[in-house]
N, C-alpha and C. Protein backbone atom coordinates (compact mmCIF):
# COMPACT_ATOMS: atom_id res chain seq x y z
N MET A 1 -13.83 -71.87 -23.21
CA MET A 1 -13.67 -71.40 -21.86
C MET A 1 -14.93 -71.67 -21.06
N PRO A 2 -14.74 -72.05 -19.82
CA PRO A 2 -15.90 -72.31 -18.97
C PRO A 2 -16.63 -71.00 -18.65
N ALA A 3 -17.88 -71.07 -18.34
CA ALA A 3 -18.74 -69.91 -18.08
C ALA A 3 -18.36 -69.20 -16.79
N ASP A 4 -17.90 -69.94 -15.78
CA ASP A 4 -17.55 -69.28 -14.51
C ASP A 4 -16.30 -68.40 -14.66
N ARG A 5 -15.39 -68.73 -15.56
CA ARG A 5 -14.22 -67.85 -15.79
C ARG A 5 -14.63 -66.57 -16.50
N ILE A 6 -15.55 -66.61 -17.38
CA ILE A 6 -16.01 -65.42 -18.10
C ILE A 6 -16.69 -64.46 -17.12
N GLN A 7 -17.48 -64.97 -16.20
CA GLN A 7 -18.15 -64.12 -15.22
C GLN A 7 -17.15 -63.50 -14.26
N ALA A 8 -16.07 -64.15 -13.92
CA ALA A 8 -15.08 -63.62 -13.01
C ALA A 8 -14.33 -62.44 -13.63
N ARG A 9 -14.14 -62.45 -14.90
CA ARG A 9 -13.42 -61.37 -15.57
C ARG A 9 -14.33 -60.19 -15.92
N ALA A 10 -15.60 -60.29 -15.80
CA ALA A 10 -16.54 -59.27 -16.27
C ALA A 10 -16.51 -58.00 -15.41
N GLY A 11 -16.22 -58.01 -14.11
CA GLY A 11 -16.29 -56.81 -13.27
C GLY A 11 -14.96 -56.48 -12.61
N PHE A 12 -14.99 -55.42 -11.76
CA PHE A 12 -13.82 -55.01 -10.99
C PHE A 12 -13.74 -55.82 -9.71
N THR A 13 -12.54 -56.07 -9.31
CA THR A 13 -12.38 -56.73 -8.02
C THR A 13 -12.31 -55.68 -6.93
N LEU A 14 -12.43 -56.08 -5.71
CA LEU A 14 -12.37 -55.16 -4.57
C LEU A 14 -10.99 -54.49 -4.51
N ILE A 15 -9.94 -55.21 -4.79
CA ILE A 15 -8.58 -54.65 -4.76
C ILE A 15 -8.44 -53.57 -5.82
N GLU A 16 -8.93 -53.78 -7.00
CA GLU A 16 -8.86 -52.77 -8.07
C GLU A 16 -9.63 -51.52 -7.67
N THR A 17 -10.76 -51.68 -7.04
CA THR A 17 -11.57 -50.53 -6.60
C THR A 17 -10.84 -49.75 -5.51
N ILE A 18 -10.22 -50.42 -4.57
CA ILE A 18 -9.48 -49.74 -3.50
C ILE A 18 -8.28 -49.00 -4.07
N VAL A 19 -7.55 -49.61 -4.98
CA VAL A 19 -6.40 -48.95 -5.61
C VAL A 19 -6.86 -47.70 -6.37
N ALA A 20 -7.96 -47.78 -7.09
CA ALA A 20 -8.49 -46.62 -7.81
C ALA A 20 -8.88 -45.51 -6.85
N LEU A 21 -9.51 -45.86 -5.71
CA LEU A 21 -9.90 -44.85 -4.72
C LEU A 21 -8.68 -44.21 -4.06
N VAL A 22 -7.62 -44.98 -3.82
CA VAL A 22 -6.39 -44.42 -3.24
C VAL A 22 -5.75 -43.44 -4.21
N ILE A 23 -5.71 -43.78 -5.48
CA ILE A 23 -5.15 -42.88 -6.49
C ILE A 23 -5.98 -41.61 -6.59
N LEU A 24 -7.30 -41.75 -6.59
CA LEU A 24 -8.20 -40.59 -6.65
C LEU A 24 -8.03 -39.71 -5.41
N ALA A 25 -7.95 -40.32 -4.23
CA ALA A 25 -7.77 -39.55 -2.99
C ALA A 25 -6.44 -38.81 -3.00
N SER A 26 -5.39 -39.45 -3.50
CA SER A 26 -4.08 -38.78 -3.58
C SER A 26 -4.14 -37.59 -4.51
N ALA A 27 -4.83 -37.73 -5.62
CA ALA A 27 -4.97 -36.61 -6.57
C ALA A 27 -5.76 -35.46 -5.93
N VAL A 28 -6.79 -35.77 -5.18
CA VAL A 28 -7.59 -34.73 -4.52
C VAL A 28 -6.76 -34.01 -3.46
N VAL A 29 -5.95 -34.73 -2.70
CA VAL A 29 -5.10 -34.10 -1.69
C VAL A 29 -4.08 -33.18 -2.35
N VAL A 30 -3.45 -33.63 -3.43
CA VAL A 30 -2.47 -32.79 -4.13
C VAL A 30 -3.15 -31.55 -4.70
N PHE A 31 -4.32 -31.72 -5.30
CA PHE A 31 -5.04 -30.59 -5.88
C PHE A 31 -5.48 -29.60 -4.81
N SER A 32 -5.93 -30.09 -3.67
CA SER A 32 -6.36 -29.18 -2.60
C SER A 32 -5.17 -28.39 -2.05
N GLY A 33 -4.00 -29.01 -1.96
CA GLY A 33 -2.81 -28.27 -1.54
C GLY A 33 -2.44 -27.19 -2.55
N PHE A 34 -2.53 -27.53 -3.84
CA PHE A 34 -2.26 -26.55 -4.90
C PHE A 34 -3.26 -25.40 -4.83
N LEU A 35 -4.54 -25.73 -4.70
CA LEU A 35 -5.58 -24.70 -4.64
C LEU A 35 -5.40 -23.80 -3.42
N SER A 36 -5.06 -24.38 -2.29
CA SER A 36 -4.83 -23.60 -1.08
C SER A 36 -3.66 -22.62 -1.27
N GLY A 37 -2.59 -23.08 -1.87
CA GLY A 37 -1.45 -22.21 -2.14
C GLY A 37 -1.80 -21.08 -3.08
N GLN A 38 -2.59 -21.38 -4.10
CA GLN A 38 -3.00 -20.34 -5.04
C GLN A 38 -3.90 -19.30 -4.39
N LEU A 39 -4.81 -19.74 -3.52
CA LEU A 39 -5.69 -18.80 -2.83
C LEU A 39 -4.91 -17.93 -1.85
N ASN A 40 -3.93 -18.51 -1.16
CA ASN A 40 -3.08 -17.70 -0.27
C ASN A 40 -2.29 -16.68 -1.08
N GLY A 41 -1.77 -17.09 -2.21
CA GLY A 41 -1.03 -16.17 -3.07
C GLY A 41 -1.92 -15.04 -3.58
N ALA A 42 -3.14 -15.36 -3.95
CA ALA A 42 -4.08 -14.34 -4.41
C ALA A 42 -4.40 -13.35 -3.29
N GLY A 43 -4.50 -13.84 -2.07
CA GLY A 43 -4.74 -12.95 -0.93
C GLY A 43 -3.57 -12.01 -0.70
N ARG A 44 -2.35 -12.52 -0.85
CA ARG A 44 -1.17 -11.66 -0.68
C ARG A 44 -1.08 -10.63 -1.79
N VAL A 45 -1.44 -11.01 -3.02
CA VAL A 45 -1.43 -10.06 -4.13
C VAL A 45 -2.47 -8.97 -3.90
N GLU A 46 -3.65 -9.34 -3.42
CA GLU A 46 -4.69 -8.35 -3.13
C GLU A 46 -4.23 -7.39 -2.03
N GLN A 47 -3.61 -7.92 -0.99
CA GLN A 47 -3.11 -7.08 0.09
C GLN A 47 -2.02 -6.12 -0.41
N ALA A 48 -1.13 -6.60 -1.27
CA ALA A 48 -0.09 -5.74 -1.83
C ALA A 48 -0.69 -4.66 -2.72
N ALA A 49 -1.71 -5.00 -3.49
CA ALA A 49 -2.36 -4.01 -4.34
C ALA A 49 -3.06 -2.94 -3.51
N ASN A 50 -3.73 -3.35 -2.43
CA ASN A 50 -4.37 -2.37 -1.54
C ASN A 50 -3.34 -1.47 -0.89
N SER A 51 -2.24 -2.03 -0.45
CA SER A 51 -1.17 -1.25 0.18
C SER A 51 -0.59 -0.25 -0.83
N TYR A 52 -0.38 -0.69 -2.05
CA TYR A 52 0.14 0.19 -3.10
C TYR A 52 -0.82 1.35 -3.35
N ASP A 53 -2.11 1.05 -3.46
CA ASP A 53 -3.11 2.11 -3.68
C ASP A 53 -3.12 3.11 -2.53
N ARG A 54 -3.04 2.61 -1.30
CA ARG A 54 -3.04 3.52 -0.15
C ARG A 54 -1.78 4.39 -0.13
N HIS A 55 -0.64 3.81 -0.44
CA HIS A 55 0.59 4.60 -0.47
C HIS A 55 0.55 5.64 -1.58
N MET A 56 0.01 5.29 -2.74
CA MET A 56 -0.09 6.26 -3.83
C MET A 56 -1.04 7.40 -3.45
N ASN A 57 -2.14 7.10 -2.77
CA ASN A 57 -3.06 8.14 -2.31
C ASN A 57 -2.37 9.05 -1.30
N ALA A 58 -1.58 8.47 -0.40
CA ALA A 58 -0.86 9.28 0.60
C ALA A 58 0.17 10.17 -0.09
N LEU A 59 0.87 9.67 -1.09
CA LEU A 59 1.84 10.49 -1.81
C LEU A 59 1.15 11.64 -2.55
N GLU A 60 -0.03 11.39 -3.06
CA GLU A 60 -0.78 12.46 -3.72
C GLU A 60 -1.20 13.53 -2.72
N ILE A 61 -1.61 13.10 -1.53
CA ILE A 61 -1.96 14.07 -0.48
C ILE A 61 -0.71 14.86 -0.08
N ALA A 62 0.44 14.19 -0.03
CA ALA A 62 1.69 14.87 0.35
C ALA A 62 2.03 16.00 -0.62
N THR A 63 1.67 15.86 -1.89
CA THR A 63 1.95 16.93 -2.84
C THR A 63 1.02 18.12 -2.64
N ALA A 64 -0.12 17.90 -2.00
CA ALA A 64 -1.10 18.96 -1.84
C ALA A 64 -1.02 19.71 -0.52
N ILE A 65 -0.38 19.14 0.49
CA ILE A 65 -0.36 19.81 1.79
C ILE A 65 0.95 20.55 2.00
N ASN A 66 0.86 21.59 2.81
CA ASN A 66 2.02 22.35 3.26
C ASN A 66 2.20 22.01 4.73
N PRO A 67 3.21 21.22 5.09
CA PRO A 67 3.32 20.78 6.48
C PRO A 67 3.56 21.91 7.49
N MET A 68 4.05 23.06 7.03
CA MET A 68 4.23 24.17 7.96
C MET A 68 2.87 24.80 8.28
N ALA A 69 1.96 24.80 7.31
CA ALA A 69 0.63 25.39 7.52
C ALA A 69 -0.34 24.38 8.13
N THR A 70 -0.22 23.11 7.76
CA THR A 70 -1.11 22.06 8.25
C THR A 70 -0.25 20.90 8.74
N PRO A 71 0.25 20.99 9.98
CA PRO A 71 1.17 19.95 10.45
C PRO A 71 0.53 18.59 10.69
N GLN A 72 -0.78 18.53 10.84
CA GLN A 72 -1.44 17.24 11.02
C GLN A 72 -2.86 17.34 10.52
N GLY A 73 -3.44 16.17 10.22
CA GLY A 73 -4.81 16.15 9.74
C GLY A 73 -5.20 14.76 9.28
N THR A 74 -6.41 14.66 8.77
CA THR A 74 -6.92 13.39 8.23
C THR A 74 -7.64 13.67 6.92
N PHE A 75 -7.68 12.66 6.10
CA PHE A 75 -8.38 12.73 4.82
C PHE A 75 -9.20 11.47 4.69
N ASP A 76 -10.53 11.62 4.54
CA ASP A 76 -11.44 10.48 4.49
C ASP A 76 -11.62 10.03 3.05
N LEU A 77 -11.33 8.74 2.81
CA LEU A 77 -11.47 8.18 1.46
C LEU A 77 -12.57 7.13 1.39
N GLY A 78 -13.52 7.18 2.28
CA GLY A 78 -14.65 6.25 2.25
C GLY A 78 -14.38 5.00 3.06
N THR A 79 -13.66 4.05 2.47
CA THR A 79 -13.42 2.78 3.17
C THR A 79 -12.29 2.88 4.19
N TYR A 80 -11.47 3.90 4.09
CA TYR A 80 -10.40 4.12 5.06
C TYR A 80 -10.06 5.60 5.09
N ARG A 81 -9.31 5.99 6.12
CA ARG A 81 -8.85 7.37 6.26
C ARG A 81 -7.34 7.38 6.30
N ILE A 82 -6.78 8.47 5.81
CA ILE A 82 -5.34 8.68 5.88
C ILE A 82 -5.11 9.81 6.87
N ALA A 83 -4.34 9.53 7.90
CA ALA A 83 -3.99 10.55 8.90
C ALA A 83 -2.51 10.87 8.73
N TRP A 84 -2.16 12.15 8.89
CA TRP A 84 -0.76 12.51 8.80
C TRP A 84 -0.37 13.41 9.96
N SER A 85 0.90 13.33 10.29
CA SER A 85 1.49 14.23 11.27
C SER A 85 2.89 14.53 10.77
N SER A 86 3.34 15.75 11.03
CA SER A 86 4.65 16.15 10.52
C SER A 86 5.53 16.64 11.66
N GLN A 87 6.82 16.41 11.48
CA GLN A 87 7.81 16.87 12.45
C GLN A 87 8.88 17.65 11.71
N LEU A 88 9.31 18.73 12.34
CA LEU A 88 10.34 19.57 11.76
C LEU A 88 11.67 18.81 11.74
N VAL A 89 12.35 18.89 10.60
CA VAL A 89 13.68 18.28 10.45
C VAL A 89 14.66 19.45 10.27
N GLY A 90 15.48 19.67 11.25
CA GLY A 90 16.44 20.78 11.14
C GLY A 90 15.85 22.09 11.63
N GLU A 91 16.25 23.17 10.98
CA GLU A 91 15.85 24.52 11.40
C GLU A 91 15.02 25.20 10.33
N ILE A 92 14.29 26.23 10.76
CA ILE A 92 13.54 27.06 9.83
C ILE A 92 14.50 28.13 9.30
N HIS A 93 14.50 28.31 7.98
CA HIS A 93 15.41 29.26 7.34
C HIS A 93 14.63 30.33 6.60
N GLN A 94 15.27 31.46 6.44
CA GLN A 94 14.71 32.54 5.64
C GLN A 94 15.07 32.29 4.18
N SER A 95 14.12 32.48 3.29
CA SER A 95 14.42 32.30 1.87
C SER A 95 15.23 33.50 1.38
N SER A 96 15.81 33.35 0.21
CA SER A 96 16.59 34.45 -0.37
C SER A 96 15.92 34.90 -1.66
N ARG A 97 16.28 36.09 -2.09
CA ARG A 97 15.69 36.67 -3.29
C ARG A 97 16.78 36.82 -4.34
N TYR A 98 16.41 36.68 -5.59
CA TYR A 98 17.35 36.84 -6.68
C TYR A 98 17.44 38.31 -7.03
N PRO A 99 18.53 38.91 -7.29
CA PRO A 99 19.89 38.38 -7.28
C PRO A 99 20.51 38.39 -5.89
N ALA A 100 19.96 39.16 -4.98
CA ALA A 100 20.49 39.16 -3.62
C ALA A 100 19.42 39.71 -2.69
N GLY A 101 19.55 39.37 -1.43
CA GLY A 101 18.63 39.91 -0.45
C GLY A 101 17.79 38.85 0.21
N ARG A 102 16.95 39.35 1.08
CA ARG A 102 16.11 38.46 1.88
C ARG A 102 14.80 38.20 1.16
N GLY A 103 14.38 36.94 1.14
CA GLY A 103 13.12 36.58 0.51
C GLY A 103 11.95 36.79 1.45
N ILE A 104 10.77 36.43 0.98
CA ILE A 104 9.55 36.69 1.76
C ILE A 104 9.01 35.43 2.44
N PHE A 105 9.73 34.31 2.36
CA PHE A 105 9.22 33.07 2.94
C PHE A 105 10.15 32.52 3.99
N LYS A 106 9.56 31.86 4.97
CA LYS A 106 10.28 31.00 5.90
C LYS A 106 10.11 29.59 5.34
N VAL A 107 11.19 28.82 5.29
CA VAL A 107 11.13 27.47 4.73
C VAL A 107 11.82 26.50 5.67
N ALA A 108 11.37 25.24 5.63
CA ALA A 108 11.97 24.20 6.45
C ALA A 108 11.57 22.84 5.90
N LEU A 109 12.38 21.84 6.21
CA LEU A 109 12.05 20.47 5.85
C LEU A 109 11.24 19.82 6.97
N TYR A 110 10.27 19.03 6.57
CA TYR A 110 9.42 18.31 7.51
C TYR A 110 9.37 16.83 7.10
N ARG A 111 9.34 15.98 8.09
CA ARG A 111 9.12 14.56 7.85
C ARG A 111 7.66 14.29 8.17
N ILE A 112 6.91 13.88 7.14
CA ILE A 112 5.48 13.62 7.28
C ILE A 112 5.28 12.11 7.37
N THR A 113 4.54 11.68 8.39
CA THR A 113 4.22 10.26 8.55
C THR A 113 2.74 10.08 8.27
N PHE A 114 2.44 9.24 7.28
CA PHE A 114 1.05 8.92 6.93
C PHE A 114 0.70 7.56 7.51
N SER A 115 -0.42 7.49 8.22
CA SER A 115 -0.91 6.21 8.73
C SER A 115 -2.32 6.01 8.19
N PHE A 116 -2.71 4.74 8.11
CA PHE A 116 -3.95 4.36 7.46
C PHE A 116 -4.91 3.79 8.50
N ILE A 117 -6.08 4.42 8.62
CA ILE A 117 -7.07 4.06 9.62
C ILE A 117 -8.25 3.39 8.93
N GLY A 118 -8.64 2.23 9.45
CA GLY A 118 -9.84 1.60 8.90
C GLY A 118 -9.60 0.20 8.38
N GLY A 119 -9.39 -0.75 9.27
CA GLY A 119 -9.32 -2.15 8.90
C GLY A 119 -8.21 -2.50 7.94
N THR A 120 -7.06 -1.97 8.16
CA THR A 120 -5.94 -2.26 7.26
C THR A 120 -4.68 -2.49 8.06
N ASP A 121 -3.81 -3.28 7.52
CA ASP A 121 -2.52 -3.48 8.17
C ASP A 121 -1.41 -2.92 7.29
N THR A 122 -1.73 -1.87 6.53
CA THR A 122 -0.74 -1.20 5.68
C THR A 122 0.24 -0.45 6.56
N ALA A 123 1.52 -0.62 6.27
CA ALA A 123 2.57 0.04 7.05
C ALA A 123 2.51 1.55 6.83
N PRO A 124 2.87 2.33 7.85
CA PRO A 124 2.91 3.79 7.68
C PRO A 124 3.93 4.18 6.61
N LEU A 125 3.71 5.34 6.00
CA LEU A 125 4.57 5.86 4.94
C LEU A 125 5.18 7.16 5.44
N MET A 126 6.49 7.33 5.26
CA MET A 126 7.17 8.56 5.67
C MET A 126 7.71 9.28 4.44
N VAL A 127 7.47 10.60 4.40
CA VAL A 127 7.88 11.44 3.28
C VAL A 127 8.54 12.68 3.85
N THR A 128 9.61 13.15 3.20
CA THR A 128 10.23 14.42 3.57
C THR A 128 9.77 15.46 2.57
N ARG A 129 9.27 16.59 3.10
CA ARG A 129 8.68 17.61 2.23
C ARG A 129 9.04 19.00 2.76
N LEU A 130 9.10 19.95 1.84
CA LEU A 130 9.39 21.34 2.18
C LEU A 130 8.12 22.03 2.66
N GLY A 131 8.22 22.70 3.80
CA GLY A 131 7.13 23.51 4.31
C GLY A 131 7.51 24.98 4.17
N TYR A 132 6.53 25.83 4.03
CA TYR A 132 6.81 27.26 3.84
C TYR A 132 5.66 28.09 4.37
N ARG A 133 5.98 29.35 4.68
CA ARG A 133 4.95 30.34 5.01
C ARG A 133 5.51 31.72 4.67
N ARG A 134 4.60 32.58 4.34
CA ARG A 134 5.01 33.94 3.98
C ARG A 134 5.43 34.66 5.25
N ASP A 135 6.63 35.22 5.21
CA ASP A 135 7.18 35.90 6.39
C ASP A 135 6.64 37.32 6.51
N ASN A 136 6.70 38.05 5.42
CA ASN A 136 6.21 39.43 5.44
C ASN A 136 5.97 39.87 4.00
N GLU A 137 5.43 41.03 3.87
CA GLU A 137 5.19 41.57 2.54
C GLU A 137 6.52 41.98 1.92
N PRO A 138 6.66 41.82 0.62
CA PRO A 138 7.92 42.22 -0.01
C PRO A 138 8.11 43.72 0.06
N SER A 139 9.33 44.12 0.20
CA SER A 139 9.64 45.55 0.21
C SER A 139 10.31 45.86 -1.14
N PHE A 140 9.72 46.83 -1.82
CA PHE A 140 10.24 47.20 -3.12
C PHE A 140 11.13 48.42 -2.97
N THR A 141 12.27 48.37 -3.58
CA THR A 141 13.17 49.52 -3.57
C THR A 141 13.28 50.04 -4.98
N GLY A 142 13.45 51.31 -5.10
CA GLY A 142 13.57 51.90 -6.42
C GLY A 142 12.25 52.58 -6.77
N SER A 143 12.24 53.22 -7.91
CA SER A 143 11.05 53.98 -8.30
C SER A 143 10.30 53.21 -9.39
N ALA A 144 9.02 53.39 -9.39
CA ALA A 144 8.18 52.77 -10.41
C ALA A 144 8.06 53.73 -11.58
N ASN A 145 8.25 53.24 -12.77
CA ASN A 145 8.15 54.11 -13.96
C ASN A 145 6.85 53.93 -14.64
């Protein structure tokens, strides 16, 4: 074989280099689209986890408050606050006593709306809860032995 043919085969041609760069660029574009989708998905998962935590905190507060005694308020959790307001659903009723008679509490259903203050786009949470207050002192009938 002549020497000039051996030298021509020794390196890459310009066409081979351009084809390799096009393939590499296509792979980078596909990978960047994949990475972008994964980062967006991770952001949505983080937002859902934050929303879940906030709703669980609000439900815990709902178990601790009596909406008839505290119809509205706020609870500071450091990075955000939970504010609530309650509205009466229906009428206030007198409780009953076992086996018969009038009880010592006024009771009613309330719809409590929890909203989240402090850099969040978490949707408000609504809970229905029983409110109560002592109506009067119990009256005892009969004699004590």
